[in-house]
Amino acid sequence: MSFGVLASYVIVWLADPTPSPTPGEFTGNENDVTPGVIGFVATAFIAVAAVLLIIDMTRRIRRVRYRAEAQERIAAEEAGETEVRPAPED
């Protein structure tokens, strides 16, 4: 695509007026269209649940890593290695 064609697309896109709402158009009650207390409680519940799931997942991953490190140490000791290498830090 040449620069001229691209420039013409950009100019047309920038020149195209975007519609804007006119003030005073809404005549209903603004509280009827907001989520209100129920929406806030639902959003807060989902946020708290997500945080708790992330904390639980972190604990489980840490346990799996510790078990794998312990199994590596046991396997190294059983193999007769005298020098046990420490696990690399992440």
C-alpha atoms as a PDB file:
ATOM      1  CA  MET A   1       0.000   0.000   0.000  1.00  0.00           C
ATOM      2  CA  SER A   2       1.495   3.313  -0.967  1.00  0.00           C
ATOM      3  CA  PHE A   3       1.853   6.279   1.316  1.00  0.00           C
ATOM      4  CA  GLY A   4      -0.663   8.325  -0.696  1.00  0.00           C
ATOM      5  CA  VAL A   5      -3.415   5.742  -0.330  1.00  0.00           C
ATOM      6  CA  LEU A   6      -2.702   5.371   3.365  1.00  0.00           C
ATOM      7  CA  ALA A   7      -2.721   9.146   3.819  1.00  0.00           C
ATOM      8  CA  SER A   8      -6.064   9.428   2.037  1.00  0.00           C
ATOM      9  CA  TYR A   9      -7.570   6.785   4.348  1.00  0.00           C
ATOM     10  CA  VAL A  10      -6.292   8.651   7.390  1.00  0.00           C
ATOM     11  CA  ILE A  11      -7.648  11.967   6.118  1.00  0.00           C
ATOM     12  CA  VAL A  12     -11.077  10.484   5.395  1.00  0.00           C
ATOM     13  CA  TRP A  13     -11.124   8.779   8.792  1.00  0.00           C
ATOM     14  CA  LEU A  14     -10.169  11.996  10.614  1.00  0.00           C
ATOM     15  CA  ALA A  15     -12.586  14.155   8.610  1.00  0.00           C
ATOM     16  CA  ASP A  16     -15.555  11.877   9.303  1.00  0.00           C
ATOM     17  CA  PRO A  17     -17.573  13.578  12.048  1.00  0.00           C
ATOM     18  CA  THR A  18     -18.453  11.497  15.054  1.00  0.00           C
ATOM     19  CA  PRO A  19     -21.968  11.834  16.396  1.00  0.00           C
ATOM     20  CA  SER A  20     -22.245  13.320  19.831  1.00  0.00           C
ATOM     21  CA  PRO A  21     -25.259  13.120  22.104  1.00  0.00           C
ATOM     22  CA  THR A  22     -27.246  16.265  22.510  1.00  0.00           C
ATOM     23  CA  PRO A  23     -27.641  17.532  26.082  1.00  0.00           C
ATOM     24  CA  GLY A  24     -31.053  17.115  27.626  1.00  0.00           C
ATOM     25  CA  GLU A  25     -31.973  14.194  25.380  1.00  0.00           C
ATOM     26  CA  PHE A  26     -32.546  11.681  28.227  1.00  0.00           C
ATOM     27  CA  THR A  27     -35.825  12.277  30.018  1.00  0.00           C
ATOM     28  CA  GLY A  28     -35.944   9.233  32.317  1.00  0.00           C
ATOM     29  CA  ASN A  29     -34.640   8.720  35.841  1.00  0.00           C
ATOM     30  CA  GLU A  30     -30.842   8.382  35.792  1.00  0.00           C
ATOM     31  CA  ASN A  31     -30.925   6.042  38.802  1.00  0.00           C
ATOM     32  CA  ASP A  32     -32.910   3.514  36.776  1.00  0.00           C
ATOM     33  CA  VAL A  33     -30.033   2.986  34.337  1.00  0.00           C
ATOM     34  CA  THR A  34     -27.191   2.663  36.857  1.00  0.00           C
ATOM     35  CA  PRO A  35     -26.225  -0.656  38.430  1.00  0.00           C
ATOM     36  CA  GLY A  36     -26.790   0.718  41.929  1.00  0.00           C
ATOM     37  CA  VAL A  37     -26.046  -1.167  45.107  1.00  0.00           C
ATOM     38  CA  ILE A  38     -26.749  -4.591  43.616  1.00  0.00           C
ATOM     39  CA  GLY A  39     -24.237  -3.993  40.826  1.00  0.00           C
ATOM     40  CA  PHE A  40     -21.627  -2.785  43.292  1.00  0.00           C
ATOM     41  CA  VAL A  41     -22.104  -5.817  45.532  1.00  0.00           C
ATOM     42  CA  ALA A  42     -21.899  -8.199  42.570  1.00  0.00           C
ATOM     43  CA  THR A  43     -18.716  -6.541  41.282  1.00  0.00           C
ATOM     44  CA  ALA A  44     -17.153  -6.523  44.760  1.00  0.00           C
ATOM     45  CA  PHE A  45     -18.018 -10.215  45.198  1.00  0.00           C
ATOM     46  CA  ILE A  46     -16.372 -11.132  41.900  1.00  0.00           C
ATOM     47  CA  ALA A  47     -13.263  -9.086  42.770  1.00  0.00           C
ATOM     48  CA  VAL A  48     -12.920 -10.712  46.212  1.00  0.00           C
ATOM     49  CA  ALA A  49     -13.456 -14.179  44.735  1.00  0.00           C
ATOM     50  CA  ALA A  50     -10.766 -13.531  42.115  1.00  0.00           C
ATOM     51  CA  VAL A  51      -8.272 -12.383  44.761  1.00  0.00           C
ATOM     52  CA  LEU A  52      -8.971 -15.457  46.909  1.00  0.00           C
ATOM     53  CA  LEU A  53      -8.560 -17.762  43.908  1.00  0.00           C
ATOM     54  CA  ILE A  54      -5.233 -16.129  43.030  1.00  0.00           C
ATOM     55  CA  ILE A  55      -3.974 -16.561  46.595  1.00  0.00           C
ATOM     56  CA  ASP A  56      -5.045 -20.224  46.618  1.00  0.00           C
ATOM     57  CA  MET A  57      -3.411 -20.858  43.253  1.00  0.00           C
ATOM     58  CA  THR A  58      -0.155 -19.303  44.474  1.00  0.00           C
ATOM     59  CA  ARG A  59      -0.130 -21.575  47.539  1.00  0.00           C
ATOM     60  CA  ARG A  60      -0.756 -24.672  45.433  1.00  0.00           C
ATOM     61  CA  ILE A  61       1.987 -23.805  42.958  1.00  0.00           C
ATOM     62  CA  ARG A  62       4.412 -23.189  45.832  1.00  0.00           C
ATOM     63  CA  ARG A  63       3.571 -26.611  47.346  1.00  0.00           C
ATOM     64  CA  VAL A  64       4.137 -28.371  44.039  1.00  0.00           C
ATOM     65  CA  ARG A  65       7.498 -26.625  43.639  1.00  0.00           C
ATOM     66  CA  TYR A  66       8.592 -27.579  47.168  1.00  0.00           C
ATOM     67  CA  ARG A  67       7.554 -31.210  46.599  1.00  0.00           C
ATOM     68  CA  ALA A  68       9.529 -31.338  43.352  1.00  0.00           C
ATOM     69  CA  GLU A  69      12.604 -29.895  45.076  1.00  0.00           C
ATOM     70  CA  ALA A  70      12.300 -32.435  47.897  1.00  0.00           C
ATOM     71  CA  GLN A  71      11.956 -35.305  45.416  1.00  0.00           C
ATOM     72  CA  GLU A  72      15.060 -34.085  43.568  1.00  0.00           C
ATOM     73  CA  ARG A  73      17.044 -34.001  46.825  1.00  0.00           C
ATOM     74  CA  ILE A  74      15.871 -37.508  47.788  1.00  0.00           C
ATOM     75  CA  ALA A  75      16.715 -38.843  44.322  1.00  0.00           C
ATOM     76  CA  ALA A  76      20.165 -37.244  44.515  1.00  0.00           C
ATOM     77  CA  GLU A  77      20.813 -38.745  47.950  1.00  0.00           C
ATOM     78  CA  GLU A  78      19.654 -42.186  46.782  1.00  0.00           C
ATOM     79  CA  ALA A  79      21.898 -41.957  43.737  1.00  0.00           C
ATOM     80  CA  GLY A  80      24.855 -41.506  46.065  1.00  0.00           C
ATOM     81  CA  GLU A  81      25.737 -37.953  45.251  1.00  0.00           C
ATOM     82  CA  THR A  82      27.538 -36.423  48.179  1.00  0.00           C
ATOM     83  CA  GLU A  83      27.142 -32.859  46.987  1.00  0.00           C
ATOM     84  CA  VAL A  84      23.546 -31.689  46.974  1.00  0.00           C
ATOM     85  CA  ARG A  85      23.072 -28.656  44.775  1.00  0.00           C
ATOM     86  CA  PRO A  86      20.637 -26.004  46.005  1.00  0.00           C
ATOM     87  CA  ALA A  87      17.637 -25.328  43.824  1.00  0.00           C
ATOM     88  CA  PRO A  88      17.890 -22.197  41.658  1.00  0.00           C
ATOM     89  CA  GLU A  89      15.994 -19.178  42.888  1.00  0.00           C
ATOM     90  CA  ASP A  90      13.233 -17.875  40.612  1.00  0.00           C
END
